[in-house]
Amino acid sequence: MLGIVIPAHNEQDFIGACLAAVNKAAACPRLESEPVEVMVVLDHCMDDTETIALHHGADVLRVQRRNVGAARALGAEALLARGARWLAFTDADTRVTPDWLAEQLALQADAVCGTVAVDDWSPHLDYAERLREHFARTYFDVENHRHIHGANLGVSAEAYLRAGGIRHLACSEDVAFVQSLQDCGARIAWSAKPRVSTSARRDGRAAGGFADTLLDVVAKGLEAARPRPSAA
């Protein structure tokens, strides 16, 4: 069995599109009908995320951690207990492609670090073009990149356990986990073949996550553009 883990905290606006895409990936003919179980980890959800997740056929796990690392780890543990041989992670505001899961497996590695794309920069209004240009200039959406995203990550059950699992960190749990994989000698594929598209929203769910990174780029750009006082 293959398992997909999606942490979610009040994600009613995004989870439907996320799960519709995940279900297509789970039905990819290249998986040869291997069962896929989707686990949405409802972390202190107070909106309709659970109702939408159940409507899309996902299993749900309710926790009260407000901690993305804990949510990913608890979801992973639940799927491993059911016999998952491979764990794929994405985020509730992300849409995977129909061959996303198949592409992870095709790389025949212990773990896969994929890239992310952003289709819509409009949440940043007047700064959308600046962010688009910065992303295009500094982000390497190519094979053998070195980006790490919880929104596009896969790992074998054996490697997950050997690396000690995902730590209960409120931020950068994905980076810490990949470092643990490297430390234990796991074979990691740094690939742009498993494709996902994530949101450029301003109100991220994890402090220090992708949304905060984008806001920091905007803030630094504004600071650089601010007129400097002339020398006396």
C-alpha atoms as a PDB file:
ATOM      1  CA  MET A   1       0.000   0.000   0.000  1.00  0.00           C
ATOM      2  CA  LEU A   2       1.054   3.583  -0.706  1.00  0.00           C
ATOM      3  CA  GLY A   3       0.241   6.372   1.724  1.00  0.00           C
ATOM      4  CA  ILE A   4      -0.242  10.116   1.237  1.00  0.00           C
ATOM      5  CA  VAL A   5      -0.056  12.465   4.228  1.00  0.00           C
ATOM      6  CA  ILE A   6      -1.598  15.944   4.165  1.00  0.00           C
ATOM      7  CA  PRO A   7      -1.415  18.120   7.295  1.00  0.00           C
ATOM      8  CA  ALA A   8      -4.238  20.657   7.518  1.00  0.00           C
ATOM      9  CA  HIS A   9      -5.151  23.520   9.829  1.00  0.00           C
ATOM     10  CA  ASN A  10      -8.335  25.333   8.760  1.00  0.00           C
ATOM     11  CA  GLU A  11      -7.866  24.603   5.055  1.00  0.00           C
ATOM     12  CA  GLN A  12     -11.464  24.587   3.805  1.00  0.00           C
ATOM     13  CA  ASP A  13     -10.596  26.962   0.953  1.00  0.00           C
ATOM     14  CA  PHE A  14      -7.899  24.691  -0.502  1.00  0.00           C
ATOM     15  CA  ILE A  15      -8.388  21.103   0.645  1.00  0.00           C
ATOM     16  CA  GLY A  16     -11.020  20.231  -1.979  1.00  0.00           C
ATOM     17  CA  ALA A  17      -8.770  21.060  -4.924  1.00  0.00           C
ATOM     18  CA  CYS A  18      -5.837  19.378  -3.179  1.00  0.00           C
ATOM     19  CA  LEU A  19      -7.719  16.108  -2.675  1.00  0.00           C
ATOM     20  CA  ALA A  20      -9.248  16.113  -6.158  1.00  0.00           C
ATOM     21  CA  ALA A  21      -5.701  16.245  -7.534  1.00  0.00           C
ATOM     22  CA  VAL A  22      -4.395  13.650  -5.071  1.00  0.00           C
ATOM     23  CA  ASN A  23      -7.195  11.242  -5.997  1.00  0.00           C
ATOM     24  CA  LYS A  24      -6.226  11.515  -9.665  1.00  0.00           C
ATOM     25  CA  ALA A  25      -2.621  10.749  -8.758  1.00  0.00           C
ATOM     26  CA  ALA A  26      -3.776   7.747  -6.719  1.00  0.00           C
ATOM     27  CA  ALA A  27      -5.657   6.418  -9.742  1.00  0.00           C
ATOM     28  CA  CYS A  28      -2.725   6.758 -12.149  1.00  0.00           C
ATOM     29  CA  PRO A  29      -2.521   3.636 -14.369  1.00  0.00           C
ATOM     30  CA  ARG A  30       1.244   3.505 -13.828  1.00  0.00           C
ATOM     31  CA  LEU A  31       0.600   2.457 -10.206  1.00  0.00           C
ATOM     32  CA  GLU A  32      -0.923  -0.771 -11.549  1.00  0.00           C
ATOM     33  CA  SER A  33      -3.874  -0.605  -9.133  1.00  0.00           C
ATOM     34  CA  GLU A  34      -1.732  -0.655  -5.992  1.00  0.00           C
ATOM     35  CA  PRO A  35      -3.926   0.629  -3.144  1.00  0.00           C
ATOM     36  CA  VAL A  36      -3.368   4.223  -2.037  1.00  0.00           C
ATOM     37  CA  GLU A  37      -4.602   5.580   1.280  1.00  0.00           C
ATOM     38  CA  VAL A  38      -4.897   9.343   1.814  1.00  0.00           C
ATOM     39  CA  MET A  39      -4.621  10.691   5.357  1.00  0.00           C
ATOM     40  CA  VAL A  40      -5.603  14.282   6.130  1.00  0.00           C
ATOM     41  CA  VAL A  41      -4.282  15.197   9.558  1.00  0.00           C
ATOM     42  CA  LEU A  42      -6.739  17.739  10.990  1.00  0.00           C
ATOM     43  CA  ASP A  43      -4.571  19.802  13.301  1.00  0.00           C
ATOM     44  CA  HIS A  44      -6.822  21.987  15.481  1.00  0.00           C
ATOM     45  CA  CYS A  45      -9.291  22.522  12.633  1.00  0.00           C
ATOM     46  CA  MET A  46     -12.306  24.705  13.392  1.00  0.00           C
ATOM     47  CA  ASP A  47     -13.782  25.036   9.896  1.00  0.00           C
ATOM     48  CA  ASP A  48     -15.184  22.642   7.272  1.00  0.00           C
ATOM     49  CA  THR A  49     -11.895  20.976   6.357  1.00  0.00           C
ATOM     50  CA  GLU A  50     -12.995  17.620   7.805  1.00  0.00           C
ATOM     51  CA  THR A  51     -16.325  17.603   5.980  1.00  0.00           C
ATOM     52  CA  ILE A  52     -14.639  18.347   2.652  1.00  0.00           C
ATOM     53  CA  ALA A  53     -11.907  15.757   3.257  1.00  0.00           C
ATOM     54  CA  LEU A  54     -14.458  13.038   3.996  1.00  0.00           C
ATOM     55  CA  HIS A  55     -16.465  14.033   0.927  1.00  0.00           C
ATOM     56  CA  HIS A  56     -13.367  13.360  -1.183  1.00  0.00           C
ATOM     57  CA  GLY A  57     -12.901   9.934   0.371  1.00  0.00           C
ATOM     58  CA  ALA A  58      -9.858  10.740   2.522  1.00  0.00           C
ATOM     59  CA  ASP A  59      -9.274   9.294   5.960  1.00  0.00           C
ATOM     60  CA  VAL A  60      -8.886  11.862   8.713  1.00  0.00           C
ATOM     61  CA  LEU A  61      -6.839  11.972  11.881  1.00  0.00           C
ATOM     62  CA  ARG A  62      -7.782  14.618  14.444  1.00  0.00           C
ATOM     63  CA  VAL A  63      -5.001  16.133  16.540  1.00  0.00           C
ATOM     64  CA  GLN A  64      -4.608  19.281  18.615  1.00  0.00           C
ATOM     65  CA  ARG A  65      -0.938  20.136  18.160  1.00  0.00           C
ATOM     66  CA  ARG A  66      -0.765  23.297  16.031  1.00  0.00           C
ATOM     67  CA  ASN A  67       2.538  21.848  14.861  1.00  0.00           C
ATOM     68  CA  VAL A  68       3.128  20.839  11.241  1.00  0.00           C
ATOM     69  CA  GLY A  69       5.955  18.458  12.111  1.00  0.00           C
ATOM     70  CA  ALA A  70       3.774  16.597  14.587  1.00  0.00           C
ATOM     71  CA  ALA A  71       0.914  16.474  12.078  1.00  0.00           C
ATOM     72  CA  ARG A  72       3.138  14.985   9.351  1.00  0.00           C
ATOM     73  CA  ALA A  73       4.695  12.499  11.763  1.00  0.00           C
ATOM     74  CA  LEU A  74       1.389  11.318  13.251  1.00  0.00           C
ATOM     75  CA  GLY A  75      -0.082  10.885   9.784  1.00  0.00           C
ATOM     76  CA  ALA A  76       2.968   8.919   8.695  1.00  0.00           C
ATOM     77  CA  GLU A  77       2.804   6.680  11.770  1.00  0.00           C
ATOM     78  CA  ALA A  78      -0.869   5.941  11.154  1.00  0.00           C
ATOM     79  CA  LEU A  79      -0.205   4.889   7.557  1.00  0.00           C
ATOM     80  CA  LEU A  80       2.859   2.841   8.473  1.00  0.00           C
ATOM     81  CA  ALA A  81       0.743   0.967  11.014  1.00  0.00           C
ATOM     82  CA  ARG A  82      -1.609   0.069   8.148  1.00  0.00           C
ATOM     83  CA  GLY A  83       1.271  -1.332   6.096  1.00  0.00           C
ATOM     84  CA  ALA A  84       2.323   1.542   3.820  1.00  0.00           C
ATOM     85  CA  ARG A  85       5.534   0.786   1.953  1.00  0.00           C
ATOM     86  CA  TRP A  86       5.919   4.343   0.639  1.00  0.00           C
ATOM     87  CA  LEU A  87       4.906   7.685   2.150  1.00  0.00           C
ATOM     88  CA  ALA A  88       4.255  10.748   0.010  1.00  0.00           C
ATOM     89  CA  PHE A  89       3.763  14.153   1.616  1.00  0.00           C
ATOM     90  CA  THR A  90       2.062  17.228   0.259  1.00  0.00           C
ATOM     91  CA  ASP A  91       0.282  20.290   1.669  1.00  0.00           C
ATOM     92  CA  ALA A  92      -3.380  21.249   1.767  1.00  0.00           C
ATOM     93  CA  ASP A  93      -2.838  24.327  -0.431  1.00  0.00           C
ATOM     94  CA  THR A  94      -1.000  22.311  -3.077  1.00  0.00           C
ATOM     95  CA  ARG A  95      -2.173  20.487  -6.204  1.00  0.00           C
ATOM     96  CA  VAL A  96      -0.197  17.487  -7.413  1.00  0.00           C
ATOM     97  CA  THR A  97      -0.132  16.306 -11.021  1.00  0.00           C
ATOM     98  CA  PRO A  98      -1.840  13.036 -12.081  1.00  0.00           C
ATOM     99  CA  ASP A  99       1.525  11.239 -12.328  1.00  0.00           C
ATOM    100  CA  TRP A 100       3.030  12.755  -9.150  1.00  0.00           C
ATOM    101  CA  LEU A 101       3.041   9.578  -7.086  1.00  0.00           C
ATOM    102  CA  ALA A 102       4.062   7.379 -10.007  1.00  0.00           C
ATOM    103  CA  GLU A 103       6.980   9.695 -10.771  1.00  0.00           C
ATOM    104  CA  GLN A 104       8.200   9.493  -7.166  1.00  0.00           C
ATOM    105  CA  LEU A 105       8.234   5.701  -7.295  1.00  0.00           C
ATOM    106  CA  ALA A 106       9.807   5.585 -10.756  1.00  0.00           C
ATOM    107  CA  LEU A 107      12.937   7.285  -9.433  1.00  0.00           C
ATOM    108  CA  GLN A 108      13.696   4.117  -7.429  1.00  0.00           C
ATOM    109  CA  ALA A 109      15.303   5.987  -4.551  1.00  0.00           C
ATOM    110  CA  ASP A 110      14.948   5.784  -0.787  1.00  0.00           C
ATOM    111  CA  ALA A 111      13.517   9.291  -0.790  1.00  0.00           C
ATOM    112  CA  VAL A 112      12.485  11.942  -3.306  1.00  0.00           C
ATOM    113  CA  CYS A 113      12.760  15.706  -2.893  1.00  0.00           C
ATOM    114  CA  GLY A 114      10.645  17.436  -5.512  1.00  0.00           C
ATOM    115  CA  THR A 115      10.224  21.057  -6.533  1.00  0.00           C
ATOM    116  CA  VAL A 116       7.224  23.377  -6.412  1.00  0.00           C
ATOM    117  CA  ALA A 117       5.669  25.740  -8.936  1.00  0.00           C
ATOM    118  CA  VAL A 118       3.432  28.752  -8.297  1.00  0.00           C
ATOM    119  CA  ASP A 119       0.696  29.402 -10.844  1.00  0.00           C
ATOM    120  CA  ASP A 120      -0.905  32.438  -9.255  1.00  0.00           C
ATOM    121  CA  TRP A 121       1.013  35.263  -7.598  1.00  0.00           C
ATOM    122  CA  SER A 122      -2.030  37.560  -7.340  1.00  0.00           C
ATOM    123  CA  PRO A 123      -2.420  37.304  -3.526  1.00  0.00           C
ATOM    124  CA  HIS A 124       0.555  39.667  -3.331  1.00  0.00           C
ATOM    125  CA  LEU A 125      -1.209  42.311  -5.421  1.00  0.00           C
ATOM    126  CA  ASP A 126       1.248  45.098  -6.330  1.00  0.00           C
ATOM    127  CA  TYR A 127       4.260  42.885  -5.579  1.00  0.00           C
ATOM    128  CA  ALA A 128       3.200  39.863  -7.638  1.00  0.00           C
ATOM    129  CA  GLU A 129       5.497  40.666 -10.554  1.00  0.00           C
ATOM    130  CA  ARG A 130       8.442  41.277  -8.238  1.00  0.00           C
ATOM    131  CA  LEU A 131       7.919  37.912  -6.580  1.00  0.00           C
ATOM    132  CA  ARG A 132       7.480  36.131  -9.910  1.00  0.00           C
ATOM    133  CA  GLU A 133      10.762  37.577 -11.169  1.00  0.00           C
ATOM    134  CA  HIS A 134      12.586  36.778  -7.929  1.00  0.00           C
ATOM    135  CA  PHE A 135      11.324  33.187  -7.970  1.00  0.00           C
ATOM    136  CA  ALA A 136      12.313  32.698 -11.599  1.00  0.00           C
ATOM    137  CA  ARG A 137      15.776  34.096 -10.899  1.00  0.00           C
ATOM    138  CA  THR A 138      16.592  32.273  -7.659  1.00  0.00           C
ATOM    139  CA  TYR A 139      14.634  29.009  -7.724  1.00  0.00           C
ATOM    140  CA  PHE A 140      16.039  26.031  -9.627  1.00  0.00           C
ATOM    141  CA  ASP A 141      13.208  23.844 -10.909  1.00  0.00           C
ATOM    142  CA  VAL A 142      15.563  21.307 -12.484  1.00  0.00           C
ATOM    143  CA  GLU A 143      17.028  17.873 -11.910  1.00  0.00           C
ATOM    144  CA  ASN A 144      19.648  17.691  -9.140  1.00  0.00           C
ATOM    145  CA  HIS A 145      18.290  20.804  -7.420  1.00  0.00           C
ATOM    146  CA  ARG A 146      18.687  21.053  -3.642  1.00  0.00           C
ATOM    147  CA  HIS A 147      15.278  22.380  -2.608  1.00  0.00           C
ATOM    148  CA  ILE A 148      13.289  20.742   0.185  1.00  0.00           C
ATOM    149  CA  HIS A 149       9.515  21.045   0.448  1.00  0.00           C
ATOM    150  CA  GLY A 150       7.051  19.200   2.623  1.00  0.00           C
ATOM    151  CA  ALA A 151       4.606  19.862  -0.217  1.00  0.00           C
ATOM    152  CA  ASN A 152       6.546  17.500  -2.513  1.00  0.00           C
ATOM    153  CA  LEU A 153       8.368  14.816  -0.587  1.00  0.00           C
ATOM    154  CA  GLY A 154       8.382  11.028  -0.729  1.00  0.00           C
ATOM    155  CA  VAL A 155      10.170   8.321   1.252  1.00  0.00           C
ATOM    156  CA  SER A 156      10.142   4.554   1.591  1.00  0.00           C
ATOM    157  CA  ALA A 157       8.837   3.149   4.851  1.00  0.00           C
ATOM    158  CA  GLU A 158      12.209   1.553   5.544  1.00  0.00           C
ATOM    159  CA  ALA A 159      14.132   4.801   5.054  1.00  0.00           C
ATOM    160  CA  TYR A 160      11.586   6.777   7.077  1.00  0.00           C
ATOM    161  CA  LEU A 161      12.063   4.500  10.055  1.00  0.00           C
ATOM    162  CA  ARG A 162      15.833   4.301   9.626  1.00  0.00           C
ATOM    163  CA  ALA A 163      16.044   8.103   9.700  1.00  0.00           C
ATOM    164  CA  GLY A 164      14.014   8.274  12.887  1.00  0.00           C
ATOM    165  CA  GLY A 165      10.892   9.770  11.327  1.00  0.00           C
ATOM    166  CA  ILE A 166       9.812  13.384  11.120  1.00  0.00           C
ATOM    167  CA  ARG A 167      10.513  15.438  14.214  1.00  0.00           C
ATOM    168  CA  HIS A 168       7.720  17.418  15.877  1.00  0.00           C
ATOM    169  CA  LEU A 169       9.035  20.795  14.761  1.00  0.00           C
ATOM    170  CA  ALA A 170       6.793  23.802  14.216  1.00  0.00           C
ATOM    171  CA  CYS A 171       8.854  24.818  11.175  1.00  0.00           C
ATOM    172  CA  SER A 172      11.440  23.294   8.825  1.00  0.00           C
ATOM    173  CA  GLU A 173      10.537  19.768   9.873  1.00  0.00           C
ATOM    174  CA  ASP A 174      11.031  18.750   6.236  1.00  0.00           C
ATOM    175  CA  VAL A 175      14.571  20.147   6.154  1.00  0.00           C
ATOM    176  CA  ALA A 176      15.480  18.403   9.410  1.00  0.00           C
ATOM    177  CA  PHE A 177      14.057  15.119   8.140  1.00  0.00           C
ATOM    178  CA  VAL A 178      15.993  15.227   4.878  1.00  0.00           C
ATOM    179  CA  GLN A 179      19.142  15.934   6.876  1.00  0.00           C
ATOM    180  CA  SER A 180      18.420  12.817   8.941  1.00  0.00           C
ATOM    181  CA  LEU A 181      17.972  10.839   5.729  1.00  0.00           C
ATOM    182  CA  GLN A 182      21.336  12.063   4.481  1.00  0.00           C
ATOM    183  CA  ASP A 183      22.974  11.245   7.817  1.00  0.00           C
ATOM    184  CA  CYS A 184      21.796   7.633   7.642  1.00  0.00           C
ATOM    185  CA  GLY A 185      22.976   7.183   4.065  1.00  0.00           C
ATOM    186  CA  ALA A 186      19.621   7.186   2.282  1.00  0.00           C
ATOM    187  CA  ARG A 187      19.647   7.471  -1.523  1.00  0.00           C
ATOM    188  CA  ILE A 188      17.845  10.727  -2.270  1.00  0.00           C
ATOM    189  CA  ALA A 189      16.586  11.725  -5.710  1.00  0.00           C
ATOM    190  CA  TRP A 190      16.542  15.516  -6.114  1.00  0.00           C
ATOM    191  CA  SER A 191      14.117  15.657  -8.993  1.00  0.00           C
ATOM    192  CA  ALA A 192      11.749  18.035 -10.769  1.00  0.00           C
ATOM    193  CA  LYS A 193       9.798  15.149 -12.322  1.00  0.00           C
ATOM    194  CA  PRO A 194       7.188  14.761  -9.551  1.00  0.00           C
ATOM    195  CA  ARG A 195       5.254  17.996 -10.134  1.00  0.00           C
ATOM    196  CA  VAL A 196       3.167  20.074  -7.756  1.00  0.00           C
ATOM    197  CA  SER A 197       1.737  23.587  -7.814  1.00  0.00           C
ATOM    198  CA  THR A 198       1.394  25.417  -4.508  1.00  0.00           C
ATOM    199  CA  SER A 199      -0.269  28.642  -3.460  1.00  0.00           C
ATOM    200  CA  ALA A 200       1.363  32.022  -2.966  1.00  0.00           C
ATOM    201  CA  ARG A 201      -1.036  32.922  -0.165  1.00  0.00           C
ATOM    202  CA  ARG A 202      -0.025  35.522   2.384  1.00  0.00           C
ATOM    203  CA  ASP A 203      -1.593  33.848   5.423  1.00  0.00           C
ATOM    204  CA  GLY A 204       0.483  30.696   5.814  1.00  0.00           C
ATOM    205  CA  ARG A 205      -0.296  28.039   8.411  1.00  0.00           C
ATOM    206  CA  ALA A 206       3.269  27.414   9.634  1.00  0.00           C
ATOM    207  CA  ALA A 207       5.418  30.262  10.907  1.00  0.00           C
ATOM    208  CA  GLY A 208       8.577  30.415   8.830  1.00  0.00           C
ATOM    209  CA  GLY A 209       7.021  28.425   5.997  1.00  0.00           C
ATOM    210  CA  PHE A 210       6.652  29.220   2.297  1.00  0.00           C
ATOM    211  CA  ALA A 211       4.180  32.077   2.847  1.00  0.00           C
ATOM    212  CA  ASP A 212       6.504  33.796   5.320  1.00  0.00           C
ATOM    213  CA  THR A 213       9.428  33.301   2.942  1.00  0.00           C
ATOM    214  CA  LEU A 214       7.534  35.142   0.204  1.00  0.00           C
ATOM    215  CA  LEU A 215       6.574  37.955   2.575  1.00  0.00           C
ATOM    216  CA  ASP A 216      10.216  38.276   3.584  1.00  0.00           C
ATOM    217  CA  VAL A 217      11.226  38.659  -0.081  1.00  0.00           C
ATOM    218  CA  VAL A 218       8.681  41.449  -0.476  1.00  0.00           C
ATOM    219  CA  ALA A 219       9.864  43.174   2.703  1.00  0.00           C
ATOM    220  CA  LYS A 220      13.504  43.048   1.639  1.00  0.00           C
ATOM    221  CA  GLY A 221      12.602  44.397  -1.789  1.00  0.00           C
ATOM    222  CA  LEU A 222      10.748  47.321  -0.253  1.00  0.00           C
ATOM    223  CA  GLU A 223      13.673  48.066   2.056  1.00  0.00           C
ATOM    224  CA  ALA A 224      16.120  48.001  -0.850  1.00  0.00           C
ATOM    225  CA  ALA A 225      13.901  50.370  -2.859  1.00  0.00           C
ATOM    226  CA  ARG A 226      13.467  52.866  -0.033  1.00  0.00           C
ATOM    227  CA  PRO A 227      15.337  56.151  -0.669  1.00  0.00           C
ATOM    228  CA  ARG A 228      18.419  56.560   1.490  1.00  0.00           C
ATOM    229  CA  PRO A 229      19.075  59.830   3.303  1.00  0.00           C
ATOM    230  CA  SER A 230      21.765  61.849   1.615  1.00  0.00           C
ATOM    231  CA  ALA A 231      25.095  62.277   3.368  1.00  0.00           C
ATOM    232  CA  ALA A 232      25.544  65.531   5.273  1.00  0.00           C
END
